[in-house]
């Protein structure tokens, strides 16, 4: 799996593959132009910028609208050799927004064998030989997927065929779900090669379990490092002002931006193999990439660690973010 996660910053396509998403200011990022060809062109431009910046891991999902398709057409159009890049995707949610920003339901979760069998060929068709990692999308104990012997056997079969198997996590129960996943062994082999979890300076609750999983040999991908835009200059919520002041202070002192600072905190975690940028514009991507240059010191680490929130309120706030 040495080439599974070939860059320390990857690009997640959740905000690039569909008209609506929950990131702050997402509508402005897309210029409110939701024509399919325009959105594909925009996604390709951001992917080009990511490639120029050294990004070599790209993350999509079946529920991210046309994200897999946009990524696949870009990889083929640029004639990028499969061995030069790694693509990951996820199954378990179906996109249901019908290319609308405002929809009654944007995605429907179904962690069943039927869903896996339906979505795997779709992902394979879009990403072909570029796909290295296939993940359960937002696995939870409540969904029952980690106790579904048929699903686990099907994933083990994909693993025997050379596809790394992972799971993404969500909600205040991330650590408990990961602990269960870590213990799943089929035919003497641990099933899961990687875990993709939310970790940022506001939500650090899964950290100890992520460290444990890393020590056991799992590769850790960090998503939502910028808390869906809450850790950017777009967050003007008066209730966040005190925390924003701390971010601004350390960013100014270290001559960087608050988004790069927040990403640098992720990269400073010894268990983090890759941090995903969720950039939806070239400017955001370029700003995020400056995380690699941040000279993070102990003063900043201590100051930013104080921003952490209890998991339950954090996830309640995330749940309340508007699709736009």
Protein backbone atom coordinates (compact mmCIF):
# COMPACT_ATOMS: atom_id res chain seq x y z
CA UNK A 1 0.00 0.00 0.00
CA UNK A 2 2.98 2.31 -0.36
CA UNK A 3 1.26 4.17 -3.22
CA UNK A 4 -2.20 4.27 -1.62
CA UNK A 5 -1.82 7.81 -0.23
CA UNK A 6 1.01 9.37 -2.25
CA UNK A 7 0.66 12.99 -1.06
CA UNK A 8 0.23 14.47 2.40
CA UNK A 9 -2.55 16.74 1.12
CA UNK A 10 -5.31 15.26 -0.99
CA UNK A 11 -8.32 16.80 -2.70
CA UNK A 12 -11.84 15.78 -1.73
CA UNK A 13 -14.49 16.43 -4.37
CA UNK A 14 -17.59 16.75 -2.19
CA UNK A 15 -17.92 20.45 -3.08
CA UNK A 16 -16.99 20.09 -6.75
CA UNK A 17 -19.28 17.35 -7.97
CA UNK A 18 -22.77 18.73 -7.25
CA UNK A 19 -24.55 22.11 -7.21
CA UNK A 20 -25.40 22.05 -3.50
CA UNK A 21 -23.19 21.43 -0.47
CA UNK A 22 -22.99 22.57 3.17
CA UNK A 23 -19.66 24.44 3.02
CA UNK A 24 -20.00 28.10 3.94
CA UNK A 25 -20.22 30.16 0.74
CA UNK A 26 -20.42 27.17 -1.59
CA UNK A 27 -22.85 28.90 -3.95
CA UNK A 28 -20.40 31.74 -4.52
CA UNK A 29 -17.58 29.26 -5.15
CA UNK A 30 -19.48 27.88 -8.14
CA UNK A 31 -20.59 31.29 -9.34
CA UNK A 32 -24.14 29.93 -9.12
CA UNK A 33 -23.57 28.39 -12.56
CA UNK A 34 -24.84 24.83 -12.35
CA UNK A 35 -24.70 23.92 -16.03
CA UNK A 36 -23.22 20.43 -16.21
CA UNK A 37 -20.51 21.32 -18.72
CA UNK A 38 -19.59 24.45 -16.77
CA UNK A 39 -19.31 22.52 -13.54
CA UNK A 40 -17.14 19.86 -15.13
CA UNK A 41 -14.86 22.53 -16.59
CA UNK A 42 -14.64 24.22 -13.20
CA UNK A 43 -13.84 20.93 -11.46
CA UNK A 44 -11.15 20.16 -14.04
CA UNK A 45 -9.56 23.57 -13.48
CA UNK A 46 -9.35 22.97 -9.72
CA UNK A 47 -7.98 19.47 -10.35
CA UNK A 48 -5.34 20.96 -12.66
CA UNK A 49 -4.31 23.38 -9.91
CA UNK A 50 -4.15 20.55 -7.39
CA UNK A 51 -1.95 18.50 -9.70
CA UNK A 52 0.40 21.45 -10.25
CA UNK A 53 0.62 21.83 -6.47
CA UNK A 54 1.68 18.23 -5.96
CA UNK A 55 -1.64 16.66 -4.93
CA UNK A 56 -1.67 13.00 -5.91
CA UNK A 57 -4.57 11.60 -3.88
CA UNK A 58 -8.15 12.40 -4.92
CA UNK A 59 -11.26 11.41 -2.97
CA UNK A 60 -14.81 11.05 -4.28
CA UNK A 61 -18.05 9.19 -3.51
CA UNK A 62 -21.12 7.92 -5.30
CA UNK A 63 -23.22 10.54 -3.50
CA UNK A 64 -21.07 13.50 -4.58
CA UNK A 65 -23.18 14.08 -7.69
CA UNK A 66 -20.90 13.79 -10.74
CA UNK A 67 -17.64 13.86 -8.74
CA UNK A 68 -16.44 10.42 -9.84
CA UNK A 69 -17.31 11.23 -13.43
CA UNK A 70 -15.53 14.60 -13.31
CA UNK A 71 -12.45 13.01 -11.76
CA UNK A 72 -12.39 10.16 -14.24
CA UNK A 73 -12.78 12.38 -17.31
CA UNK A 74 -10.01 14.64 -15.99
CA UNK A 75 -7.59 11.77 -15.36
CA UNK A 76 -8.16 10.40 -18.85
CA UNK A 77 -8.13 13.78 -20.60
CA UNK A 78 -4.80 14.65 -18.99
CA UNK A 79 -3.48 11.16 -19.75
CA UNK A 80 -2.21 10.75 -16.22
CA UNK A 81 -0.65 7.31 -15.81
CA UNK A 82 -2.54 5.19 -13.24
CA UNK A 83 0.67 4.52 -11.36
CA UNK A 84 1.21 8.26 -10.84
CA UNK A 85 -1.94 8.92 -8.86
CA UNK A 86 -4.34 7.36 -6.36
CA UNK A 87 -8.11 7.72 -6.36
CA UNK A 88 -10.43 6.73 -3.55
CA UNK A 89 -14.20 6.58 -3.55
CA UNK A 90 -17.05 5.50 -1.31
CA UNK A 91 -20.27 3.52 -1.46
CA UNK A 92 -23.33 3.52 0.76
CA UNK A 93 -25.06 6.80 -0.07
CA UNK A 94 -27.01 7.53 -3.24
CA UNK A 95 -27.22 11.05 -4.69
CA UNK A 96 -30.89 12.09 -4.81
CA UNK A 97 -30.89 15.89 -5.28
CA UNK A 98 -31.48 15.72 -9.07
CA UNK A 99 -28.88 18.44 -9.68
CA UNK A 100 -30.75 20.92 -7.47
CA UNK A 101 -29.23 23.17 -4.81
CA UNK A 102 -32.37 22.98 -2.70
CA UNK A 103 -33.78 19.48 -2.49
CA UNK A 104 -35.96 17.63 -0.03
CA UNK A 105 -33.22 15.00 0.27
CA UNK A 106 -29.69 15.35 -1.06
CA UNK A 107 -28.47 11.82 -0.40
CA UNK A 108 -29.91 8.59 0.98
CA UNK A 109 -27.87 6.19 3.10
CA UNK A 110 -28.17 2.45 2.54
CA UNK A 111 -25.40 0.16 3.76
CA UNK A 112 -26.69 -3.01 2.14
CA UNK A 113 -25.19 -5.69 -0.05
CA UNK A 114 -27.56 -4.64 -2.83
CA UNK A 115 -26.25 -1.06 -2.64
CA UNK A 116 -22.65 -2.25 -2.72
CA UNK A 117 -23.33 -4.47 -5.72
CA UNK A 118 -25.09 -1.61 -7.50
CA UNK A 119 -22.52 1.10 -6.78
CA UNK A 120 -19.26 -0.81 -7.21
CA UNK A 121 -19.70 -1.22 -11.00
CA UNK A 122 -20.60 2.47 -11.29
CA UNK A 123 -17.44 3.52 -9.48
CA UNK A 124 -15.35 1.08 -11.50
CA UNK A 125 -16.72 2.48 -14.75
CA UNK A 126 -15.90 6.05 -13.72
CA UNK A 127 -12.46 5.53 -12.22
CA UNK A 128 -11.20 2.29 -13.74
CA UNK A 129 -7.54 1.54 -13.11
CA UNK A 130 -7.07 4.72 -11.08
CA UNK A 131 -9.13 3.44 -8.14
CA UNK A 132 -6.97 2.26 -5.25
CA UNK A 133 -9.28 2.67 -2.24
CA UNK A 134 -12.95 1.81 -1.78
CA UNK A 135 -14.60 2.94 1.45
CA UNK A 136 -17.86 2.48 3.31
CA UNK A 137 -19.35 5.97 3.35
CA UNK A 138 -19.98 7.25 6.88
CA UNK A 139 -20.04 3.89 8.60
CA UNK A 140 -21.71 3.90 12.00
CA UNK A 141 -22.53 1.25 14.54
CA UNK A 142 -26.20 2.12 14.12
CA UNK A 143 -26.24 1.30 10.39
CA UNK A 144 -25.25 -2.29 11.16
CA UNK A 145 -22.83 -2.46 8.23
CA UNK A 146 -19.92 -3.64 10.39
CA UNK A 147 -21.99 -6.61 11.51
CA UNK A 148 -23.26 -7.55 8.04
CA UNK A 149 -21.36 -10.71 7.15
CA UNK A 150 -22.41 -10.62 3.49
CA UNK A 151 -21.20 -7.05 2.99
CA UNK A 152 -17.93 -7.71 4.80
CA UNK A 153 -17.32 -10.83 2.70
CA UNK A 154 -17.94 -8.87 -0.50
CA UNK A 155 -15.47 -6.18 0.60
CA UNK A 156 -12.93 -8.88 1.48
CA UNK A 157 -13.30 -10.24 -2.06
CA UNK A 158 -12.52 -6.80 -3.50
CA UNK A 159 -9.50 -6.62 -1.23
CA UNK A 160 -8.22 -9.95 -2.54
CA UNK A 161 -8.54 -8.46 -6.03
CA UNK A 162 -6.14 -5.67 -5.06
CA UNK A 163 -8.45 -2.86 -3.92
CA UNK A 164 -7.66 -1.36 -0.51
CA UNK A 165 -10.72 -1.25 1.74
CA UNK A 166 -11.52 1.62 4.06
CA UNK A 167 -14.35 3.31 5.87
CA UNK A 168 -15.23 6.92 6.47
CA UNK A 169 -16.58 8.02 9.83
CA UNK A 170 -19.01 10.68 10.94
CA UNK A 171 -20.71 11.93 14.07
CA UNK A 172 -19.80 11.87 17.75
CA UNK A 173 -19.41 8.07 17.64
CA UNK A 174 -16.45 8.05 15.26
CA UNK A 175 -14.08 6.47 17.79
CA UNK A 176 -16.46 3.65 18.76
CA UNK A 177 -17.10 2.80 15.11
CA UNK A 178 -13.40 2.75 14.33
CA UNK A 179 -12.70 0.53 17.33
CA UNK A 180 -15.23 -2.01 16.00
CA UNK A 181 -13.76 -1.80 12.48
CA UNK A 182 -10.24 -2.32 13.73
CA UNK A 183 -11.23 -5.72 15.14
CA UNK A 184 -12.77 -7.09 11.93
CA UNK A 185 -10.58 -9.88 10.56
CA UNK A 186 -11.52 -12.15 7.66
CA UNK A 187 -9.49 -15.24 6.85
CA UNK A 188 -6.78 -14.04 9.20
CA UNK A 189 -6.44 -10.60 7.57
CA UNK A 190 -7.69 -7.27 8.95
CA UNK A 191 -10.34 -6.07 6.53
CA UNK A 192 -9.86 -2.32 6.75
CA UNK A 193 -6.71 -0.72 5.41
CA UNK A 194 -7.71 2.87 6.11
CA UNK A 195 -10.07 5.12 8.00
CA UNK A 196 -11.25 8.57 6.93
CA UNK A 197 -12.34 10.66 9.90
CA UNK A 198 -13.30 14.21 10.78
CA UNK A 199 -10.58 15.82 12.86
CA UNK A 200 -9.93 19.52 13.18
CA UNK A 201 -9.09 22.00 15.92
CA UNK A 202 -12.77 22.17 16.88
CA UNK A 203 -13.45 18.40 16.82
CA UNK A 204 -10.59 16.34 18.25
CA UNK A 205 -12.54 13.58 20.01
CA UNK A 206 -11.46 10.76 17.69
CA UNK A 207 -7.77 11.58 18.01
CA UNK A 208 -6.74 8.88 20.52
CA UNK A 209 -8.56 6.18 18.55
CA UNK A 210 -7.07 7.40 15.27
CA UNK A 211 -3.62 7.14 16.85
CA UNK A 212 -4.39 3.61 17.99
CA UNK A 213 -5.60 2.59 14.53
CA UNK A 214 -2.50 4.08 12.94
CA UNK A 215 -0.27 2.15 15.33
CA UNK A 216 -2.12 -1.01 14.30
CA UNK A 217 -1.28 -0.33 10.65
CA UNK A 218 -4.29 1.54 9.30
CA UNK A 219 -3.73 4.61 7.15
CA UNK A 220 -5.60 7.67 8.42
CA UNK A 221 -7.22 10.19 6.08
CA UNK A 222 -8.51 13.38 7.68
CA UNK A 223 -11.60 15.05 6.22
CA UNK A 224 -13.32 18.32 7.11
CA UNK A 225 -10.08 19.80 8.40
CA UNK A 226 -11.65 23.24 7.95
CA UNK A 227 -14.97 22.27 9.55
CA UNK A 228 -16.96 22.93 6.37
CA UNK A 229 -15.70 26.52 6.20
CA UNK A 230 -16.01 27.36 9.90
CA UNK A 231 -12.20 27.52 10.06
CA UNK A 232 -11.91 30.05 7.24
CA UNK A 233 -12.39 33.78 6.92
CA UNK A 234 -15.97 33.13 5.82
CA UNK A 235 -17.00 32.35 9.37
CA UNK A 236 -18.36 35.67 10.60
CA UNK A 237 -20.65 34.15 13.23
CA UNK A 238 -20.54 36.47 16.28
CA UNK A 239 -20.67 33.41 18.54
CA UNK A 240 -17.38 32.28 16.98
CA UNK A 241 -15.64 35.64 17.37
CA UNK A 242 -13.44 34.70 20.33
CA UNK A 243 -12.16 31.58 18.60
CA UNK A 244 -11.73 33.48 15.35
CA UNK A 245 -9.54 36.00 17.18
CA UNK A 246 -7.23 33.19 18.35
CA UNK A 247 -6.99 31.81 14.83
CA UNK A 248 -6.28 35.26 13.42
CA UNK A 249 -3.61 35.92 16.05
CA UNK A 250 -1.63 32.78 15.32
CA UNK A 251 -2.07 33.04 11.57
CA UNK A 252 -0.73 36.60 11.58
CA UNK A 253 2.16 35.67 13.85
CA UNK A 254 3.12 32.74 11.58
CA UNK A 255 2.56 34.76 8.39
CA UNK A 256 -0.13 32.45 7.02
CA UNK A 257 -3.89 32.17 6.59
CA UNK A 258 -6.27 30.58 9.06
CA UNK A 259 -7.20 27.81 6.63
CA UNK A 260 -3.54 26.88 6.11
CA UNK A 261 -3.01 27.07 9.86
CA UNK A 262 -5.90 24.71 10.55
CA UNK A 263 -4.65 22.25 7.93
CA UNK A 264 -1.13 22.48 9.37
CA UNK A 265 -2.53 21.36 12.72
CA UNK A 266 -3.87 18.23 11.02
CA UNK A 267 -0.55 17.56 9.32
CA UNK A 268 1.18 17.91 12.68
CA UNK A 269 -0.66 14.85 14.00
CA UNK A 270 1.78 11.92 13.70
CA UNK A 271 -1.05 9.52 12.86
CA UNK A 272 -2.41 11.56 9.91
CA UNK A 273 -1.29 10.14 6.56
CA UNK A 274 -3.16 12.67 4.45
CA UNK A 275 -5.33 15.74 5.06
CA UNK A 276 -8.04 16.43 2.52
CA UNK A 277 -8.53 19.88 1.11
CA UNK A 278 -12.17 20.44 0.27
CA UNK A 279 -11.35 23.38 -1.98
CA UNK A 280 -13.98 24.41 -4.49
CA UNK A 281 -11.88 27.12 -6.19
CA UNK A 282 -8.30 27.45 -7.34
CA UNK A 283 -7.71 30.25 -4.84
CA UNK A 284 -8.88 28.06 -1.97
CA UNK A 285 -6.72 25.19 -3.13
CA UNK A 286 -3.63 27.37 -3.37
CA UNK A 287 -4.27 28.83 0.08
CA UNK A 288 -4.79 25.37 1.57
CA UNK A 289 -1.51 24.14 0.10
CA UNK A 290 0.39 26.74 2.13
CA UNK A 291 -0.23 24.45 5.10
CA UNK A 292 2.87 22.59 3.97
CA UNK A 293 4.95 25.71 4.66
CA UNK A 294 3.55 26.71 8.06
CA UNK A 295 6.25 26.72 10.75
CA UNK A 296 3.87 25.52 13.45
CA UNK A 297 5.32 26.04 16.93
CA UNK A 298 4.34 24.91 20.41
CA UNK A 299 2.71 28.24 21.23
CA UNK A 300 0.33 27.84 18.28
CA UNK A 301 -0.35 24.18 19.06
CA UNK A 302 -1.33 25.00 22.64
CA UNK A 303 -3.41 27.98 21.60
CA UNK A 304 -5.28 26.10 18.90
CA UNK A 305 -5.83 23.05 21.10
CA UNK A 306 -7.90 25.30 23.37
CA UNK A 307 -10.45 25.75 20.56
CA UNK A 308 -11.73 22.18 20.81
CA UNK A 309 -15.45 21.75 21.40
CA UNK A 310 -17.32 18.79 22.91
CA UNK A 311 -18.23 16.37 20.14
CA UNK A 312 -22.02 16.52 20.52
CA UNK A 313 -22.35 20.32 20.10
CA UNK A 314 -19.87 20.26 17.22
CA UNK A 315 -21.93 17.73 15.29
CA UNK A 316 -25.17 19.55 16.10
CA UNK A 317 -23.69 22.70 14.58
CA UNK A 318 -22.58 20.78 11.51
CA UNK A 319 -26.02 19.26 11.15
CA UNK A 320 -27.48 22.77 11.05
CA UNK A 321 -25.28 24.04 8.20
CA UNK A 322 -27.40 25.04 5.21
CA UNK A 323 -27.10 23.46 1.78
CA UNK A 324 -26.20 26.27 -0.60
